Amino acid sequence: MSLPENRPVAGGCSRPIRLSGHVDHVDVGTGEIRRALSGKDLPGGVLHVRCGNRRESACPACSAVYKRDARRLVLAGLAGGKGVPETVTTHPAWFVTLTAPTFGPVHSRRQQGGKGGPVRACHPRRGLCPHGRPAGCHERHREDDSRLGSPICPDCYQYGRAVTWNALVPRLWKTTRDATESAVAAAAGLTVAGLRRSARLSFVKVAEMQARGVVHLHVVVRVDGPDGPGSSPPGWADGDLVADALRDVVGSVAVAAPDPDMGTLDGTASADGWAVRWGVQVDIRRIALDGPTDVGRISNYLAKYLTKSAAAGGALDHPVRSLAALGRLILAPHVRRLVETCWRLGHDPVFTAALDAALGRDSGDIPRLLRWAHQMGFGGHWLTKSRTYSTTFTALRTVRRVWSRTIGAAMAGRVPVDAFGRAEGDENTIVLGAWTYTGRGLDLGGHGADPPELRSSRTAGSPVGNGPAER
């Protein structure tokens, strides 16, 4: 998709957003208004802007930009740059992986001694489950085995708890973060207020959807001084105090939740006292900030997960509007059942109210499990960070936009100026934009809303709405 001169539209976005409108420049001193840009003068009479979708299956071009920005964001918090002082490399930091508990045995591929070792049997167990199926699996699965992540017995698998756990991950993380601050303060012999006067815990968190349909979190935790990355952390932060406190919190923190698989909606009052907790597989490693290879590897590792689809090779990149729409999607049985479970529980008003109470949020117009059924109930952000960890996506986009316009003007042999002939960004000029959404997809005139090459690029059989489901 390009202009006749082979210039890419909206950076090569697969399905750009079309806007109609204009940009005016206003002189602060005189109040004079001059038209700087009009959508009518652009190809197709509209402005094409990037969709900004992070998923590679939805838009490879925007996904690549998002991945690069995410890597820069993570890297800046470890190695400095982008407004973060390079002295941050001397601050202690840890790489933490938080997993989900088990909701039933699933097909897995395990290798003895790491990735290079021989493949072990999946689940070498004998006997039958309560539903008359084999309780184990003695196969040695290949990497491309479609059964990986699916339960050995679907009827034994706790689908209700799985999607409820996904829905409550944001609440569980917030509880963990708050409890960690209190635990570190206690271990250092301080109050929470005293801790904040001597140190600050910064983090960046990335969510990863596992093959079994539950979310794992990968977190970088860094200790700064009281004024952020520009100040030195206290001496006690350089030992194992923070890691030990975090490990104790992860092993004990819990959030009371409604239990869909026990038929009770009173959380901890269920027969087995089920509550949302982290899984037993927790990994906390110290990051060698003086090693650029280690820092770059972690940045690439986190950025990689941000562009992955939730499941089904992109078939679930958009909200599922109805069960009829779900039926038209080509999905693995395990993924389909997870989505169906979200719809079943989402239509239960009692369970929905209990889930909203556990999340500590008001009920919306659409139940959360229905809104995020395409993400197996997970409605949190795929990347979050503390305010002082590093730069922001907005700052990175602004720098890229200024650079692009400056380079474009230089290649054309001119200086970028506003409508009054002053340098762009001059304080005497106010920029006012008025844009209206007109649709999605490339439209250069003569093709209508969707040119042939765009229609052929869509995912076959996708019945969902037009907007991306991004958080």
Foldseek 3Di string as FASTA:
>chain_A
DADPVRHAAQQVWLKWFWKFFFKWKAFQPPRDIDTFGGLCPDFQSTHTHHQLDCACLRTVRSVVVLLVLLLVFLLCLQQNDQPFDRCLLVWWKKKKKFAFAFQAQFFAWDAPPPDPHHTAARFPDADADPVRFGRGGRDHDDPPDPRGLPHSDPVSGQLLVQLLLQQCVVVLVVQLVVQLLQLLQVLVVHGSVVCLQFKDKKKKKFWFQDSNQHIMIIMMITIAGNVFSVHHHDPVSVDCSSVVSSVVSLVDGWFFAQRPVQPGGGGCPGPVRDTRGIYPDMDMGIQNSVDPVSSSVVSSVRSVRSRHFLDDSCLLQFADPDVVLLVLTDHDPSLSVLLVSLVVQQPDVSNLVSSCVSNVHDADPGRQSRRCSSSSNNDDARMDIDPRSHDDPVSVVVVVVVVVVQVVQVVVVHADDGPVRHHPPDPSMDMDIDIDGDAMRDRSDPQPRYRPVSVVSDDPSRPHDDRGSHD
